C-alpha atoms as a PDB file:
ATOM      1  CA  MET A   1     216.152 -12.462  -7.141  1.00  0.00           C
ATOM      2  CA  VAL A   2     216.019 -10.628 -10.740  1.00  0.00           C
ATOM      3  CA  GLY A   3     215.427  -7.068  -9.006  1.00  0.00           C
ATOM      4  CA  ASP A   4     213.712  -4.065 -10.200  1.00  0.00           C
ATOM      5  CA  SER A   5     216.137  -2.476 -12.757  1.00  0.00           C
ATOM      6  CA  GLU A   6     214.498  -1.224 -15.699  1.00  0.00           C
ATOM      7  CA  ARG A   7     214.870  -3.521 -18.838  1.00  0.00           C
ATOM      8  CA  THR A   8     213.360  -3.994 -22.284  1.00  0.00           C
ATOM      9  CA  ALA A   9     212.197  -7.317 -23.489  1.00  0.00           C
ATOM     10  CA  THR A  10     211.360  -8.117 -27.113  1.00  0.00           C
ATOM     11  CA  LEU A  11     208.488 -10.194 -28.347  1.00  0.00           C
ATOM     12  CA  TYR A  12     209.243 -12.183 -31.552  1.00  0.00           C
ATOM     13  CA  GLY A  13     206.921 -13.854 -33.998  1.00  0.00           C
ATOM     14  CA  LYS A  14     208.484 -17.032 -35.165  1.00  0.00           C
ATOM     15  CA  SER A  15     205.880 -18.566 -37.314  1.00  0.00           C
ATOM     16  CA  ARG A  16     203.566 -17.141 -40.062  1.00  0.00           C
ATOM     17  CA  GLY A  17     200.100 -16.184 -38.737  1.00  0.00           C
ATOM     18  CA  ILE A  18     197.696 -13.287 -37.772  1.00  0.00           C
ATOM     19  CA  LEU A  19     198.454 -11.275 -34.777  1.00  0.00           C
ATOM     20  CA  ALA A  20     195.539 -11.052 -32.414  1.00  0.00           C
ATOM     21  CA  GLY A  21     195.147 -10.264 -28.690  1.00  0.00           C
ATOM     22  CA  VAL A  22     196.740  -6.967 -28.381  1.00  0.00           C
ATOM     23  CA  PRO A  23     194.238  -5.732 -25.643  1.00  0.00           C
ATOM     24  CA  PHE A  24     194.608  -8.542 -23.415  1.00  0.00           C
ATOM     25  CA  PHE A  25     198.609  -8.512 -23.797  1.00  0.00           C
ATOM     26  CA  ASP A  26     198.465  -4.809 -23.101  1.00  0.00           C
ATOM     27  CA  GLU A  27     196.327  -5.077 -19.913  1.00  0.00           C
ATOM     28  CA  ILE A  28     198.533  -7.861 -18.371  1.00  0.00           C
ATOM     29  CA  PHE A  29     201.382  -5.705 -18.681  1.00  0.00           C
ATOM     30  CA  ALA A  30     199.663  -2.546 -17.538  1.00  0.00           C
ATOM     31  CA  GLN A  31     198.728  -4.326 -14.463  1.00  0.00           C
ATOM     32  CA  ALA A  32     202.412  -5.270 -14.020  1.00  0.00           C
ATOM     33  CA  GLY A  33     203.249  -1.624 -14.314  1.00  0.00           C
ATOM     34  CA  CYS A  34     205.031  -2.153 -17.663  1.00  0.00           C
ATOM     35  CA  LYS A  35     204.724  -0.346 -21.103  1.00  0.00           C
ATOM     36  CA  VAL A  36     204.267  -2.057 -24.420  1.00  0.00           C
ATOM     37  CA  LYS A  37     205.127  -0.687 -27.851  1.00  0.00           C
ATOM     38  CA  TRP A  38     203.851  -2.684 -30.843  1.00  0.00           C
ATOM     39  CA  HIS A  39     205.625  -2.962 -34.009  1.00  0.00           C
ATOM     40  CA  LEU A  40     202.974  -4.735 -36.013  1.00  0.00           C
ATOM     41  CA  LYS A  41     199.083  -3.852 -35.735  1.00  0.00           C
ATOM     42  CA  GLU A  42     196.382  -5.936 -34.524  1.00  0.00           C
ATOM     43  CA  GLY A  43     195.068  -8.253 -37.358  1.00  0.00           C
ATOM     44  CA  SER A  44     198.296  -7.858 -39.273  1.00  0.00           C
ATOM     45  CA  ILE A  45     200.236 -10.957 -40.776  1.00  0.00           C
ATOM     46  CA  VAL A  46     203.206 -12.167 -38.810  1.00  0.00           C
ATOM     47  CA  ASP A  47     205.639 -13.290 -41.393  1.00  0.00           C
ATOM     48  CA  PRO A  48     209.202 -14.251 -39.925  1.00  0.00           C
ATOM     49  CA  GLY A  49     210.474 -14.556 -43.395  1.00  0.00           C
ATOM     50  CA  SER A  50     214.095 -15.907 -44.022  1.00  0.00           C
ATOM     51  CA  ALA A  51     215.230 -14.422 -40.828  1.00  0.00           C
ATOM     52  CA  GLY A  52     213.367 -17.014 -38.840  1.00  0.00           C
ATOM     53  CA  LYS A  53     211.590 -14.310 -36.400  1.00  0.00           C
ATOM     54  CA  VAL A  54     210.178 -10.821 -36.727  1.00  0.00           C
ATOM     55  CA  THR A  55     209.796  -8.125 -33.886  1.00  0.00           C
ATOM     56  CA  VAL A  56     206.153  -7.877 -32.943  1.00  0.00           C
ATOM     57  CA  ALA A  57     206.477  -5.871 -29.595  1.00  0.00           C
ATOM     58  CA  THR A  58     208.818  -4.480 -27.080  1.00  0.00           C
ATOM     59  CA  VAL A  59     208.005  -4.170 -23.411  1.00  0.00           C
ATOM     60  CA  THR A  60     209.545  -2.005 -20.998  1.00  0.00           C
ATOM     61  CA  GLY A  61     209.508  -2.070 -17.193  1.00  0.00           C
ATOM     62  CA  PRO A  62     211.110  -3.503 -13.818  1.00  0.00           C
ATOM     63  CA  VAL A  63     212.691  -6.962 -14.963  1.00  0.00           C
ATOM     64  CA  ARG A  64     210.950  -8.591 -12.018  1.00  0.00           C
ATOM     65  CA  LYS A  65     207.323  -7.445 -13.433  1.00  0.00           C
ATOM     66  CA  LEU A  66     208.513  -8.357 -17.012  1.00  0.00           C
ATOM     67  CA  LEU A  67     209.056 -11.935 -15.945  1.00  0.00           C
ATOM     68  CA  LEU A  68     205.771 -11.815 -13.786  1.00  0.00           C
ATOM     69  CA  GLY A  69     203.595 -11.053 -16.824  1.00  0.00           C
ATOM     70  CA  GLU A  70     205.854 -12.786 -19.435  1.00  0.00           C
ATOM     71  CA  ARG A  71     203.916 -16.296 -19.465  1.00  0.00           C
ATOM     72  CA  VAL A  72     200.356 -15.172 -18.879  1.00  0.00           C
ATOM     73  CA  ALA A  73     200.809 -12.594 -21.744  1.00  0.00           C
ATOM     74  CA  LEU A  74     202.403 -15.032 -24.136  1.00  0.00           C
ATOM     75  CA  ASN A  75     200.026 -17.759 -23.567  1.00  0.00           C
ATOM     76  CA  THR A  76     197.012 -15.533 -24.034  1.00  0.00           C
ATOM     77  CA  LEU A  77     198.410 -13.685 -27.190  1.00  0.00           C
ATOM     78  CA  SER A  78     199.443 -17.074 -28.524  1.00  0.00           C
ATOM     79  CA  ARG A  79     195.906 -18.701 -28.116  1.00  0.00           C
ATOM     80  CA  CYS A  80     194.143 -15.552 -29.756  1.00  0.00           C
ATOM     81  CA  SER A  81     196.554 -15.410 -32.536  1.00  0.00           C
ATOM     82  CA  GLY A  82     196.088 -19.211 -33.152  1.00  0.00           C
ATOM     83  CA  VAL A  83     192.262 -18.811 -33.342  1.00  0.00           C
ATOM     84  CA  ALA A  84     192.636 -15.662 -35.588  1.00  0.00           C
ATOM     85  CA  THR A  85     194.996 -17.564 -37.981  1.00  0.00           C
ATOM     86  CA  LYS A  86     192.719 -20.631 -38.083  1.00  0.00           C
ATOM     87  CA  SER A  87     189.634 -18.318 -38.636  1.00  0.00           C
ATOM     88  CA  ARG A  88     191.404 -16.363 -41.380  1.00  0.00           C
ATOM     89  CA  THR A  89     192.500 -19.601 -43.230  1.00  0.00           C
ATOM     90  CA  MET A  90     188.811 -20.923 -43.077  1.00  0.00           C
ATOM     91  CA  GLU A  91     187.388 -17.722 -44.081  1.00  0.00           C
ATOM     92  CA  GLU A  92     189.812 -17.645 -47.308  1.00  0.00           C
ATOM     93  CA  LEU A  93     189.085 -21.360 -48.319  1.00  0.00           C
ATOM     94  CA  VAL A  94     185.325 -20.764 -48.321  1.00  0.00           C
ATOM     95  CA  ARG A  95     185.545 -17.484 -50.215  1.00  0.00           C
ATOM     96  CA  LYS A  96     187.780 -18.839 -52.771  1.00  0.00           C
ATOM     97  CA  ALA A  97     185.435 -21.852 -53.172  1.00  0.00           C
ATOM     98  CA  GLY A  98     182.849 -19.124 -54.009  1.00  0.00           C
ATOM     99  CA  TYR A  99     180.939 -18.996 -50.722  1.00  0.00           C
ATOM    100  CA  THR A 100     178.922 -15.659 -49.943  1.00  0.00           C
ATOM    101  CA  GLY A 101     177.256 -16.848 -46.788  1.00  0.00           C
ATOM    102  CA  ILE A 102     178.396 -16.550 -43.025  1.00  0.00           C
ATOM    103  CA  LEU A 103     181.066 -18.341 -41.579  1.00  0.00           C
ATOM    104  CA  ALA A 104     180.727 -18.684 -37.842  1.00  0.00           C
ATOM    105  CA  GLY A 105     182.502 -20.288 -34.764  1.00  0.00           C
ATOM    106  CA  THR A 106     180.818 -22.481 -32.407  1.00  0.00           C
ATOM    107  CA  ARG A 107     180.294 -21.815 -28.729  1.00  0.00           C
ATOM    108  CA  LYS A 108     182.708 -24.643 -27.773  1.00  0.00           C
ATOM    109  CA  THR A 109     185.588 -22.652 -26.413  1.00  0.00           C
ATOM    110  CA  THR A 110     188.204 -23.289 -23.900  1.00  0.00           C
ATOM    111  CA  PRO A 111     187.174 -22.882 -20.285  1.00  0.00           C
ATOM    112  CA  GLY A 112     188.085 -19.425 -19.033  1.00  0.00           C
ATOM    113  CA  PHE A 113     189.188 -18.289 -22.559  1.00  0.00           C
ATOM    114  CA  ARG A 114     185.777 -17.753 -24.168  1.00  0.00           C
ATOM    115  CA  LEU A 115     186.385 -13.865 -24.386  1.00  0.00           C
ATOM    116  CA  VAL A 116     189.864 -14.448 -25.902  1.00  0.00           C
ATOM    117  CA  GLU A 117     188.894 -16.912 -28.412  1.00  0.00           C
ATOM    118  CA  LYS A 118     185.622 -15.222 -29.455  1.00  0.00           C
ATOM    119  CA  TYR A 119     187.855 -12.013 -30.023  1.00  0.00           C
ATOM    120  CA  GLY A 120     190.328 -13.896 -32.010  1.00  0.00           C
ATOM    121  CA  MET A 121     187.482 -15.025 -34.235  1.00  0.00           C
ATOM    122  CA  LEU A 122     186.499 -11.540 -34.964  1.00  0.00           C
ATOM    123  CA  VAL A 123     189.900 -10.439 -35.656  1.00  0.00           C
ATOM    124  CA  GLY A 124     190.345 -13.568 -38.005  1.00  0.00           C
ATOM    125  CA  GLY A 125     187.264 -12.207 -39.996  1.00  0.00           C
ATOM    126  CA  VAL A 126     184.528 -14.714 -39.121  1.00  0.00           C
ATOM    127  CA  ASP A 127     181.304 -14.252 -37.137  1.00  0.00           C
ATOM    128  CA  GLY A 128     181.155 -15.095 -33.385  1.00  0.00           C
ATOM    129  CA  HIS A 129     178.051 -16.609 -33.341  1.00  0.00           C
ATOM    130  CA  ARG A 130     176.328 -16.512 -29.821  1.00  0.00           C
ATOM    131  CA  HIS A 131     178.672 -15.509 -27.077  1.00  0.00           C
ATOM    132  CA  ASP A 132     177.292 -17.756 -24.535  1.00  0.00           C
ATOM    133  CA  LEU A 133     174.132 -19.854 -23.492  1.00  0.00           C
ATOM    134  CA  SER A 134     172.045 -16.646 -22.904  1.00  0.00           C
ATOM    135  CA  SER A 135     172.762 -15.205 -26.359  1.00  0.00           C
ATOM    136  CA  MET A 136     170.164 -17.317 -27.967  1.00  0.00           C
ATOM    137  CA  ILE A 137     167.954 -20.581 -26.959  1.00  0.00           C
ATOM    138  CA  MET A 138     169.408 -23.636 -28.470  1.00  0.00           C
ATOM    139  CA  LEU A 139     167.391 -26.649 -28.471  1.00  0.00           C
ATOM    140  CA  LYS A 140     169.263 -29.996 -28.689  1.00  0.00           C
ATOM    141  CA  ASP A 141     167.680 -33.477 -28.597  1.00  0.00           C
ATOM    142  CA  ASN A 142     167.817 -33.747 -24.872  1.00  0.00           C
ATOM    143  CA  HIS A 143     165.662 -30.494 -24.538  1.00  0.00           C
ATOM    144  CA  ILE A 144     163.224 -31.933 -27.199  1.00  0.00           C
ATOM    145  CA  TRP A 145     163.235 -35.227 -25.264  1.00  0.00           C
ATOM    146  CA  ALA A 146     162.469 -33.463 -22.129  1.00  0.00           C
ATOM    147  CA  ARG A 147     159.652 -31.409 -23.551  1.00  0.00           C
ATOM    148  CA  GLY A 148     158.114 -34.358 -25.476  1.00  0.00           C
ATOM    149  CA  SER A 149     158.299 -32.801 -28.976  1.00  0.00           C
ATOM    150  CA  ILE A 150     160.055 -30.170 -31.205  1.00  0.00           C
ATOM    151  CA  THR A 151     156.715 -28.118 -31.242  1.00  0.00           C
ATOM    152  CA  GLU A 152     156.300 -28.092 -27.519  1.00  0.00           C
ATOM    153  CA  ALA A 153     159.995 -27.284 -26.886  1.00  0.00           C
ATOM    154  CA  VAL A 154     160.144 -24.352 -29.189  1.00  0.00           C
ATOM    155  CA  GLN A 155     156.867 -22.978 -27.753  1.00  0.00           C
ATOM    156  CA  ALA A 156     158.075 -23.344 -24.269  1.00  0.00           C
ATOM    157  CA  ALA A 157     161.450 -21.677 -25.203  1.00  0.00           C
ATOM    158  CA  LYS A 158     159.661 -18.639 -26.938  1.00  0.00           C
ATOM    159  CA  SER A 159     157.396 -18.056 -23.971  1.00  0.00           C
ATOM    160  CA  VAL A 160     160.414 -17.839 -21.644  1.00  0.00           C
ATOM    161  CA  GLY A 161     162.790 -16.128 -24.061  1.00  0.00           C
ATOM    162  CA  GLY A 162     160.387 -13.295 -25.250  1.00  0.00           C
ATOM    163  CA  PHE A 163     160.214 -11.655 -28.624  1.00  0.00           C
ATOM    164  CA  ALA A 164     163.902 -10.452 -28.481  1.00  0.00           C
ATOM    165  CA  LEU A 165     165.691 -13.891 -28.039  1.00  0.00           C
ATOM    166  CA  LYS A 166     166.109 -16.059 -31.076  1.00  0.00           C
ATOM    167  CA  VAL A 167     165.473 -19.704 -30.808  1.00  0.00           C
ATOM    168  CA  GLU A 168     167.316 -22.415 -32.713  1.00  0.00           C
ATOM    169  CA  VAL A 169     166.661 -26.182 -33.189  1.00  0.00           C
ATOM    170  CA  GLU A 170     169.359 -28.713 -33.914  1.00  0.00           C
ATOM    171  CA  VAL A 171     167.971 -31.510 -36.341  1.00  0.00           C
ATOM    172  CA  ASP A 172     169.347 -34.384 -38.180  1.00  0.00           C
ATOM    173  CA  ASN A 173     166.473 -35.019 -40.752  1.00  0.00           C
ATOM    174  CA  GLU A 174     164.220 -32.904 -42.944  1.00  0.00           C
ATOM    175  CA  LYS A 175     161.122 -33.997 -40.988  1.00  0.00           C
ATOM    176  CA  ASP A 176     162.366 -32.460 -37.798  1.00  0.00           C
ATOM    177  CA  ALA A 177     163.590 -29.347 -39.665  1.00  0.00           C
ATOM    178  CA  ASP A 178     159.861 -29.041 -41.013  1.00  0.00           C
ATOM    179  CA  GLU A 179     158.384 -29.379 -37.529  1.00  0.00           C
ATOM    180  CA  ALA A 180     160.824 -26.774 -36.118  1.00  0.00           C
ATOM    181  CA  ILE A 181     160.045 -24.301 -38.802  1.00  0.00           C
ATOM    182  CA  ALA A 182     156.389 -24.732 -38.455  1.00  0.00           C
ATOM    183  CA  ALA A 183     156.583 -24.326 -34.670  1.00  0.00           C
ATOM    184  CA  GLY A 184     158.430 -20.806 -35.257  1.00  0.00           C
ATOM    185  CA  ALA A 185     162.098 -21.566 -34.773  1.00  0.00           C
ATOM    186  CA  ASP A 186     164.376 -18.791 -35.908  1.00  0.00           C
ATOM    187  CA  VAL A 187     167.307 -20.913 -36.698  1.00  0.00           C
ATOM    188  CA  ILE A 188     167.461 -24.469 -38.042  1.00  0.00           C
ATOM    189  CA  MET A 189     170.815 -26.271 -37.736  1.00  0.00           C
ATOM    190  CA  LEU A 190     171.388 -29.237 -40.006  1.00  0.00           C
ATOM    191  CA  ASP A 191     173.628 -31.261 -37.970  1.00  0.00           C
ATOM    192  CA  ASN A 192     176.245 -33.771 -38.989  1.00  0.00           C
ATOM    193  CA  PHE A 193     175.113 -33.907 -42.773  1.00  0.00           C
ATOM    194  CA  ASP A 194     177.829 -34.858 -45.345  1.00  0.00           C
ATOM    195  CA  GLY A 195     178.162 -32.091 -48.117  1.00  0.00           C
ATOM    196  CA  GLN A 196     175.986 -33.754 -50.664  1.00  0.00           C
ATOM    197  CA  GLY A 197     173.155 -34.710 -48.195  1.00  0.00           C
ATOM    198  CA  LEU A 198     173.240 -31.177 -46.818  1.00  0.00           C
ATOM    199  CA  LYS A 199     172.649 -29.787 -50.588  1.00  0.00           C
ATOM    200  CA  ILE A 200     169.709 -32.197 -51.012  1.00  0.00           C
ATOM    201  CA  ALA A 201     168.168 -31.370 -47.694  1.00  0.00           C
ATOM    202  CA  ALA A 202     168.503 -27.475 -48.106  1.00  0.00           C
ATOM    203  CA  ARG A 203     167.159 -27.681 -51.527  1.00  0.00           C
ATOM    204  CA  SER A 204     164.026 -29.639 -50.250  1.00  0.00           C
ATOM    205  CA  ILE A 205     163.589 -27.481 -47.311  1.00  0.00           C
ATOM    206  CA  LYS A 206     163.731 -24.314 -49.363  1.00  0.00           C
ATOM    207  CA  GLN A 207     161.243 -25.457 -51.916  1.00  0.00           C
ATOM    208  CA  ARG A 208     158.399 -26.383 -49.153  1.00  0.00           C
ATOM    209  CA  TRP A 209     158.874 -23.106 -47.346  1.00  0.00           C
ATOM    210  CA  ALA A 210     159.543 -20.661 -49.989  1.00  0.00           C
ATOM    211  CA  GLY A 211     157.445 -17.618 -49.309  1.00  0.00           C
ATOM    212  CA  LYS A 212     155.864 -19.288 -46.040  1.00  0.00           C
ATOM    213  CA  ARG A 213     158.500 -18.452 -43.291  1.00  0.00           C
ATOM    214  CA  GLU A 214     161.624 -16.480 -42.820  1.00  0.00           C
ATOM    215  CA  PHE A 215     164.456 -18.512 -40.924  1.00  0.00           C
ATOM    216  CA  LEU A 216     168.103 -19.098 -41.062  1.00  0.00           C
ATOM    217  CA  LEU A 217     169.727 -22.392 -42.208  1.00  0.00           C
ATOM    218  CA  GLU A 218     173.027 -23.618 -40.348  1.00  0.00           C
ATOM    219  CA  CYS A 219     175.080 -26.503 -40.988  1.00  0.00           C
ATOM    220  CA  SER A 220     177.284 -27.764 -38.402  1.00  0.00           C
ATOM    221  CA  GLY A 221     179.247 -31.021 -37.724  1.00  0.00           C
ATOM    222  CA  GLY A 222     182.452 -32.480 -39.305  1.00  0.00           C
ATOM    223  CA  LEU A 223     183.627 -29.347 -41.211  1.00  0.00           C
ATOM    224  CA  THR A 224     187.387 -29.161 -41.736  1.00  0.00           C
ATOM    225  CA  SER A 225     189.726 -27.198 -43.861  1.00  0.00           C
ATOM    226  CA  GLU A 226     189.865 -30.120 -46.017  1.00  0.00           C
ATOM    227  CA  ASN A 227     186.371 -30.576 -46.653  1.00  0.00           C
ATOM    228  CA  VAL A 228     184.615 -27.417 -46.227  1.00  0.00           C
ATOM    229  CA  GLY A 229     184.303 -26.813 -49.879  1.00  0.00           C
ATOM    230  CA  THR A 230     181.891 -29.522 -50.376  1.00  0.00           C
ATOM    231  CA  TYR A 231     179.455 -27.810 -48.169  1.00  0.00           C
ATOM    232  CA  ILE A 232     179.089 -24.606 -50.297  1.00  0.00           C
ATOM    233  CA  ASN A 233     175.456 -23.950 -50.980  1.00  0.00           C
ATOM    234  CA  ASN A 234     175.044 -20.606 -52.465  1.00  0.00           C
ATOM    235  CA  GLY A 235     172.632 -21.700 -55.231  1.00  0.00           C
ATOM    236  CA  MET A 236     170.098 -22.452 -52.447  1.00  0.00           C
ATOM    237  CA  LEU A 237     169.751 -18.973 -50.982  1.00  0.00           C
ATOM    238  CA  ASN A 238     167.195 -16.551 -51.540  1.00  0.00           C
ATOM    239  CA  ALA A 239     166.019 -13.518 -49.487  1.00  0.00           C
ATOM    240  CA  HIS A 240     164.428 -15.650 -46.955  1.00  0.00           C
ATOM    241  CA  PHE A 241     167.408 -18.137 -46.447  1.00  0.00           C
ATOM    242  CA  THR A 242     170.845 -17.310 -45.093  1.00  0.00           C
ATOM    243  CA  TRP A 243     173.419 -19.991 -45.063  1.00  0.00           C
ATOM    244  CA  ILE A 244     175.684 -20.297 -41.937  1.00  0.00           C
ATOM    245  CA  LEU A 245     178.562 -22.568 -41.813  1.00  0.00           C
ATOM    246  CA  LEU A 246     179.662 -23.289 -37.928  1.00  0.00           C
ATOM    247  CA  MET A 247     183.384 -23.817 -37.684  1.00  0.00           C
ATOM    248  CA  PRO A 248     184.745 -25.872 -34.707  1.00  0.00           C
ATOM    249  CA  LEU A 249     187.550 -24.211 -32.672  1.00  0.00           C
ATOM    250  CA  GLN A 250     190.146 -26.796 -32.424  1.00  0.00           C
ATOM    251  CA  ILE A 251     193.413 -24.883 -32.587  1.00  0.00           C
ATOM    252  CA  SER A 252     196.893 -26.014 -31.948  1.00  0.00           C
ATOM    253  CA  THR A 253     199.223 -23.171 -30.764  1.00  0.00           C
END
């Protein structure tokens, strides 16, 4: 209906945020036989200002192909930019609060969009944590229940995963954290603690294991932009303890 005459379409940014997803946008239109010219760089701030919109890119090609790629490209770019914007906001919040540790995202990504969303997190300035289930062995309550104990679960995981694959154990109390550390877990996730409870538990764990074992401490569950400042725990770190905040990927675009 629209034909194949060559036209140029303009991509506008209409809300403030971080531009992310350029490689995906480029590939979509490359497969459609169109050429993209960017007016803003990946990772830059999109600021529509008083004009209400700003030119982000222009795409040239057969009009039929422009319309063919339009919605897929816009959806992908919007999703990726939304994740990058949320990530950058959280990063700025924790740094402003004095946090010097690692801010990471969870593996709970949108089906089919994991690569896009993990990439958006990197552009936004936060750690991608594990990319998928094979990147690290995560032992949750059901795995521990199935093996009978944390110790048996960790030993079984290490025997299968080998020396190169880290083992992480999710716990909700200090007793289980101690058992996981003693069993040889590499990462201990303190799950669903409030800010004050987390500080008490982390301090206690540090004191008991100082100089005995090297491991990472993570906190996860309930973190939001409104309360993340209460989880800051720099005072409890030493060379053997790295603190990681796990950020949920719940993005509206």
